[in-house]
Amino acid sequence: MKLITYDLNGAQRTGAVVSRDEFVDVSAAGDVMHIMTDIAARRQAENIASQIARVPLADVRLRAPITPRNLICIGLNYMDHVRETKSTPPTRPIIFAKFNNALSNPGDTITWYGDTLKEVDFEAELVAVIGQRCSRVAEANALAYVGGYTCGNDVSARDIQNSDSGKQWTLGKTPDGFFPIGPVLVTADDIPDPQVLDIRSTLNSHVMQHSNTREMIFSVARLVSHISHYMTLMPGDVISTGTPHGVGVGRDPKVFMKDGDEIVVEIERIGTLRNRMRVL
């Protein structure tokens, strides 16, 4: 099931996408998190979606499908990205975090001050959303704890992440608006194997990244299991699972986003996440 959160007269509502361009309002079944985690609510939403009028997606403003509890990110998780950055392949997942100020919506304009940040990069990523409490789970069972998936863009200030004397990953990763997600959350039952999805990004219509999640060094199941041995994962926690090759910092010459650029993240079976850039 594909679920959205959208604005209606200043209130946030829940929709179920029923065609490429249309949805129905299923707010009576609850918000996206409730429908994702509760089977009865899911059935209610499916029943509503089969009976009421469809609405064009173009007629509403989409929000991030959920507001994450924790934003957990993974570095260097595609072998082709390891090669382009001339890095050593990790033997264990590299974990870092963003804060909730970084969250932004599909279609939002992402802004930053040009006198502060000068090397702003894009990273197309599959985002896994935890659906139930998860502690010390085995890799073989880990996908049962994932409630759904969405698209993400781990926007990154490379001049802070890489060039700053402190190598400040967190500061470079979490400026305001630097983590758009959406446009939909696809429940996990519709994506039984998250390791077979095409993923790509385009910058001003030019394909920059094009890979498949099978290229991950650590699978979604491995990541969930690994992280759950160090922290208890709860519903609403998200894991942004890393980016494939083609990012701007790995190119020769390097390509960073500038004022007016449009960056698009596309993941098979999920959808297309679009955002524009604005330098102040």
Protein backbone atom coordinates (compact mmCIF):
# COMPACT_ATOMS: atom_id res chain seq x y z
CA MET A 1 0.00 0.00 0.00
CA LYS A 2 1.29 3.47 -0.89
CA LEU A 3 0.48 6.08 1.74
CA ILE A 4 0.88 9.86 1.71
CA THR A 5 0.51 12.72 4.15
CA TYR A 6 -0.92 15.91 2.65
CA ASP A 7 -2.22 19.34 3.65
CA LEU A 8 -5.93 20.23 3.59
CA ASN A 9 -6.92 23.65 4.90
CA GLY A 10 -3.98 23.73 7.26
CA ALA A 11 -4.54 20.21 8.63
CA GLN A 12 -2.53 17.11 7.79
CA ARG A 13 -4.50 14.27 6.21
CA THR A 14 -3.70 10.72 5.13
CA GLY A 15 -4.15 9.37 1.63
CA ALA A 16 -3.75 6.05 -0.15
CA VAL A 17 -2.38 6.24 -3.69
CA VAL A 18 -4.63 4.23 -6.02
CA SER A 19 -3.13 5.11 -9.41
CA ARG A 20 -0.10 6.91 -10.74
CA ASP A 21 -1.80 10.28 -10.44
CA GLU A 22 -4.63 9.83 -7.92
CA PHE A 23 -5.29 9.06 -4.27
CA VAL A 24 -8.20 8.72 -1.88
CA ASP A 25 -8.45 10.16 1.61
CA VAL A 26 -8.18 7.43 4.26
CA SER A 27 -7.75 9.66 7.30
CA ALA A 28 -10.59 7.83 9.04
CA ALA A 29 -8.21 4.87 9.40
CA GLY A 30 -5.51 6.98 11.08
CA ASP A 31 -2.23 8.60 10.11
CA VAL A 32 0.47 6.93 8.01
CA MET A 33 2.28 5.50 11.03
CA HIS A 34 -0.90 3.96 12.43
CA ILE A 35 -1.91 2.42 9.13
CA MET A 36 1.63 1.12 8.57
CA THR A 37 1.84 -0.57 11.97
CA ASP A 38 -1.75 -1.76 12.58
CA ILE A 39 -3.22 -4.50 10.40
CA ALA A 40 -6.82 -3.58 11.23
CA ALA A 41 -6.18 0.04 10.28
CA ARG A 42 -4.60 -1.10 7.02
CA ARG A 43 -7.67 -3.15 6.16
CA GLN A 44 -9.90 -0.21 7.03
CA ALA A 45 -7.85 2.05 4.77
CA GLU A 46 -8.04 -0.47 1.94
CA ASN A 47 -11.80 -0.68 2.34
CA ILE A 48 -12.16 3.11 2.30
CA ALA A 49 -9.92 3.39 -0.74
CA SER A 50 -12.18 1.05 -2.71
CA GLN A 51 -15.30 3.11 -2.09
CA ILE A 52 -14.72 6.86 -2.13
CA ALA A 53 -13.86 9.37 -4.83
CA ARG A 54 -10.36 9.75 -6.16
CA VAL A 55 -8.43 13.02 -5.96
CA PRO A 56 -5.59 14.10 -8.30
CA LEU A 57 -2.24 14.13 -6.52
CA ALA A 58 -1.47 17.38 -8.33
CA ASP A 59 -4.29 19.10 -6.40
CA VAL A 60 -2.65 18.77 -2.96
CA ARG A 61 0.58 19.68 -1.25
CA LEU A 62 2.43 16.57 -0.09
CA ARG A 63 4.24 16.44 3.22
CA ALA A 64 6.93 14.01 4.37
CA PRO A 65 4.91 10.80 4.81
CA ILE A 66 6.02 10.50 8.46
CA THR A 67 7.91 12.57 11.00
CA PRO A 68 10.75 10.25 12.03
CA ARG A 69 11.52 9.57 15.67
CA ASN A 70 15.23 9.07 14.96
CA LEU A 71 17.13 9.70 11.72
CA ILE A 72 19.80 7.00 11.45
CA CYS A 73 22.08 7.13 8.42
CA ILE A 74 24.60 4.76 6.89
CA GLY A 75 27.85 5.80 5.22
CA LEU A 76 29.73 4.03 2.43
CA ASN A 77 27.21 1.23 1.93
CA TYR A 78 27.49 0.73 -1.84
CA MET A 79 30.68 -0.78 -3.22
CA ASP A 80 30.60 1.50 -6.28
CA HIS A 81 30.42 4.55 -3.96
CA VAL A 82 33.39 3.20 -1.97
CA ARG A 83 35.39 3.00 -5.20
CA GLU A 84 34.52 6.49 -6.40
CA THR A 85 35.48 8.05 -3.06
CA LYS A 86 38.71 6.00 -2.96
CA SER A 87 37.72 4.67 0.44
CA THR A 88 38.40 1.38 2.16
CA PRO A 89 35.30 -0.89 2.23
CA PRO A 90 33.90 -0.94 5.75
CA THR A 91 33.82 -4.19 7.66
CA ARG A 92 30.94 -2.97 9.82
CA PRO A 93 28.19 -0.46 8.99
CA ILE A 94 29.22 3.19 9.39
CA ILE A 95 26.52 4.91 11.45
CA PHE A 96 25.84 8.62 11.73
CA ALA A 97 22.77 10.74 12.44
CA LYS A 98 20.77 13.67 11.23
CA PHE A 99 18.45 15.73 13.42
CA ASN A 100 14.76 16.45 12.79
CA ASN A 101 15.48 20.02 11.67
CA ALA A 102 16.89 18.41 8.51
CA LEU A 103 13.52 16.89 7.56
CA SER A 104 11.83 18.44 4.54
CA ASN A 105 8.90 17.59 2.28
CA PRO A 106 8.52 16.48 -1.32
CA GLY A 107 8.56 19.58 -3.48
CA ASP A 108 10.15 21.79 -0.82
CA THR A 109 12.85 24.25 -1.78
CA ILE A 110 15.99 23.50 0.22
CA THR A 111 17.88 26.63 1.18
CA TRP A 112 21.29 27.43 2.58
CA TYR A 113 23.54 30.45 2.93
CA GLY A 114 26.26 30.62 0.33
CA ASP A 115 28.68 32.31 2.70
CA THR A 116 28.42 29.31 5.04
CA LEU A 117 28.14 26.27 2.75
CA LYS A 118 29.75 26.03 -0.68
CA GLU A 119 29.87 22.31 -1.58
CA VAL A 120 26.33 20.92 -1.23
CA ASP A 121 25.92 17.43 -2.66
CA PHE A 122 23.07 14.97 -3.33
CA GLU A 123 22.71 11.34 -2.22
CA ALA A 124 19.80 9.19 -3.40
CA GLU A 125 18.91 6.67 -0.68
CA LEU A 126 16.41 3.97 0.16
CA VAL A 127 14.89 4.77 3.56
CA ALA A 128 13.58 1.93 5.74
CA VAL A 129 10.98 2.82 8.38
CA ILE A 130 10.82 0.70 11.53
CA GLY A 131 7.33 -0.61 12.26
CA GLN A 132 7.69 -2.29 15.64
CA ARG A 133 9.98 -2.33 18.65
CA CYS A 134 13.22 -4.02 17.70
CA SER A 135 16.05 -5.07 20.02
CA ARG A 136 18.85 -7.53 19.33
CA VAL A 137 17.08 -9.20 16.42
CA ALA A 138 18.72 -11.77 14.18
CA GLU A 139 19.43 -10.77 10.60
CA ALA A 140 17.18 -13.60 9.38
CA ASN A 141 14.19 -12.04 11.15
CA ALA A 142 15.05 -8.36 10.82
CA LEU A 143 12.84 -7.45 7.85
CA ALA A 144 9.77 -8.39 9.90
CA TYR A 145 10.45 -5.25 11.96
CA VAL A 146 10.43 -2.92 8.95
CA GLY A 147 7.04 -1.29 8.39
CA GLY A 148 7.70 0.43 5.09
CA TYR A 149 10.04 2.21 2.71
CA THR A 150 10.36 5.64 1.16
CA CYS A 151 12.81 7.70 -0.91
CA GLY A 152 15.35 9.97 0.75
CA ASN A 153 18.02 12.45 -0.22
CA ASP A 154 20.91 12.67 2.22
CA VAL A 155 21.87 16.21 1.21
CA SER A 156 25.44 16.78 2.38
CA ALA A 157 27.69 19.81 2.85
CA ARG A 158 30.99 18.28 1.73
CA ASP A 159 33.07 21.31 2.73
CA ILE A 160 32.03 20.69 6.34
CA GLN A 161 31.95 16.89 6.21
CA ASN A 162 35.32 16.42 4.51
CA SER A 163 37.37 19.60 4.56
CA ASP A 164 36.65 20.99 8.01
CA SER A 165 39.54 20.30 10.38
CA GLY A 166 37.21 18.31 12.63
CA LYS A 167 35.73 16.19 9.79
CA GLN A 168 32.30 17.06 11.16
CA TRP A 169 29.94 14.58 9.54
CA THR A 170 26.97 15.49 11.72
CA LEU A 171 27.29 19.24 11.11
CA GLY A 172 27.74 18.69 7.39
CA LYS A 173 24.76 16.35 7.17
CA THR A 174 22.10 18.11 9.21
CA PRO A 175 21.61 21.73 8.15
CA ASP A 176 17.96 22.78 7.95
CA GLY A 177 16.05 20.91 5.25
CA PHE A 178 18.91 18.59 4.29
CA PHE A 179 16.83 15.39 4.52
CA PRO A 180 13.79 15.39 2.20
CA ILE A 181 11.83 12.13 2.21
CA GLY A 182 8.78 10.90 0.30
CA PRO A 183 6.66 11.31 -1.68
CA VAL A 184 5.02 8.11 -0.40
CA LEU A 185 5.58 5.42 2.18
CA VAL A 186 5.18 1.95 0.69
CA THR A 187 4.24 -0.67 3.27
CA ALA A 188 6.75 -3.49 3.59
CA ASP A 189 4.33 -6.16 2.38
CA ASP A 190 4.50 -4.52 -1.06
CA ILE A 191 8.32 -4.72 -1.08
CA PRO A 192 9.18 -8.18 0.27
CA ASP A 193 12.78 -7.91 -0.98
CA PRO A 194 14.32 -4.43 -0.65
CA GLN A 195 17.57 -5.62 -2.28
CA VAL A 196 16.27 -5.66 -5.87
CA LEU A 197 15.28 -2.01 -6.41
CA ASP A 198 16.67 0.30 -9.08
CA ILE A 199 17.73 3.66 -7.61
CA ARG A 200 18.85 6.82 -9.35
CA SER A 201 19.16 10.56 -9.06
CA THR A 202 18.95 13.23 -11.74
CA LEU A 203 20.22 16.79 -11.48
CA ASN A 204 18.48 19.19 -13.85
CA SER A 205 17.37 16.15 -15.92
CA HIS A 206 20.92 14.73 -16.15
CA VAL A 207 21.28 11.24 -14.66
CA MET A 208 23.91 11.38 -11.94
CA GLN A 209 23.39 8.13 -10.01
CA HIS A 210 21.99 4.88 -11.35
CA SER A 211 22.39 1.63 -9.46
CA ASN A 212 20.44 -1.09 -7.68
CA THR A 213 20.04 -1.85 -3.99
CA ARG A 214 21.59 -5.27 -4.60
CA GLU A 215 24.90 -3.37 -4.64
CA MET A 216 24.62 -2.59 -0.92
CA ILE A 217 27.51 -3.89 1.14
CA PHE A 218 25.19 -4.35 4.13
CA SER A 219 21.58 -5.29 3.32
CA VAL A 220 18.58 -3.67 4.98
CA ALA A 221 18.18 -6.79 7.13
CA ARG A 222 21.84 -6.66 8.18
CA LEU A 223 21.55 -2.97 9.06
CA VAL A 224 18.42 -3.44 11.17
CA SER A 225 19.96 -6.37 13.01
CA HIS A 226 23.29 -4.62 13.56
CA ILE A 227 21.82 -1.36 14.85
CA SER A 228 19.33 -3.18 17.09
CA HIS A 229 22.23 -4.74 19.00
CA TYR A 230 23.35 -1.26 20.08
CA MET A 231 20.07 0.65 20.42
CA THR A 232 16.44 -0.34 20.65
CA LEU A 233 14.70 0.65 17.43
CA MET A 234 11.13 1.90 17.78
CA PRO A 235 8.25 2.57 15.36
CA GLY A 236 9.01 5.72 13.42
CA ASP A 237 12.78 5.35 13.49
CA VAL A 238 14.19 5.54 9.97
CA ILE A 239 17.37 4.09 8.51
CA SER A 240 18.70 5.85 5.43
CA THR A 241 20.63 2.99 3.91
CA GLY A 242 23.43 4.69 1.98
CA THR A 243 23.95 6.01 -1.53
CA PRO A 244 25.36 4.52 -4.74
CA HIS A 245 28.08 5.95 -6.99
CA GLY A 246 27.67 9.16 -8.94
CA VAL A 247 27.57 11.74 -6.16
CA GLY A 248 29.02 15.15 -6.94
CA VAL A 249 32.07 14.86 -4.72
CA GLY A 250 33.16 11.68 -6.50
CA ARG A 251 33.20 13.27 -9.97
CA ASP A 252 36.07 14.86 -11.90
CA PRO A 253 35.45 17.76 -11.94
CA LYS A 254 33.28 17.76 -8.81
CA VAL A 255 29.62 18.74 -9.21
CA PHE A 256 27.85 20.54 -6.39
CA MET A 257 24.31 21.88 -6.35
CA LYS A 258 23.67 25.55 -6.99
CA ASP A 259 20.87 28.06 -6.86
CA GLY A 260 17.87 26.98 -8.97
CA ASP A 261 18.92 23.34 -9.41
CA GLU A 262 16.32 20.56 -9.28
CA ILE A 263 17.38 17.24 -7.78
CA VAL A 264 15.20 14.16 -8.30
CA VAL A 265 15.49 10.82 -6.49
CA GLU A 266 13.71 7.82 -8.01
CA ILE A 267 13.41 4.35 -6.51
CA GLU A 268 11.67 1.47 -8.23
CA ARG A 269 8.24 0.58 -6.77
CA ILE A 270 8.29 3.64 -4.50
CA GLY A 271 8.23 6.85 -6.49
CA THR A 272 9.92 10.13 -7.34
CA LEU A 273 11.13 12.74 -4.84
CA ARG A 274 11.73 16.24 -6.25
CA ASN A 275 13.30 19.24 -4.59
CA ARG A 276 14.74 22.56 -5.72
CA MET A 277 17.76 24.35 -4.35
CA ARG A 278 17.98 27.99 -3.23
CA VAL A 279 21.20 29.69 -2.19
CA LEU A 280 20.67 32.78 -0.04
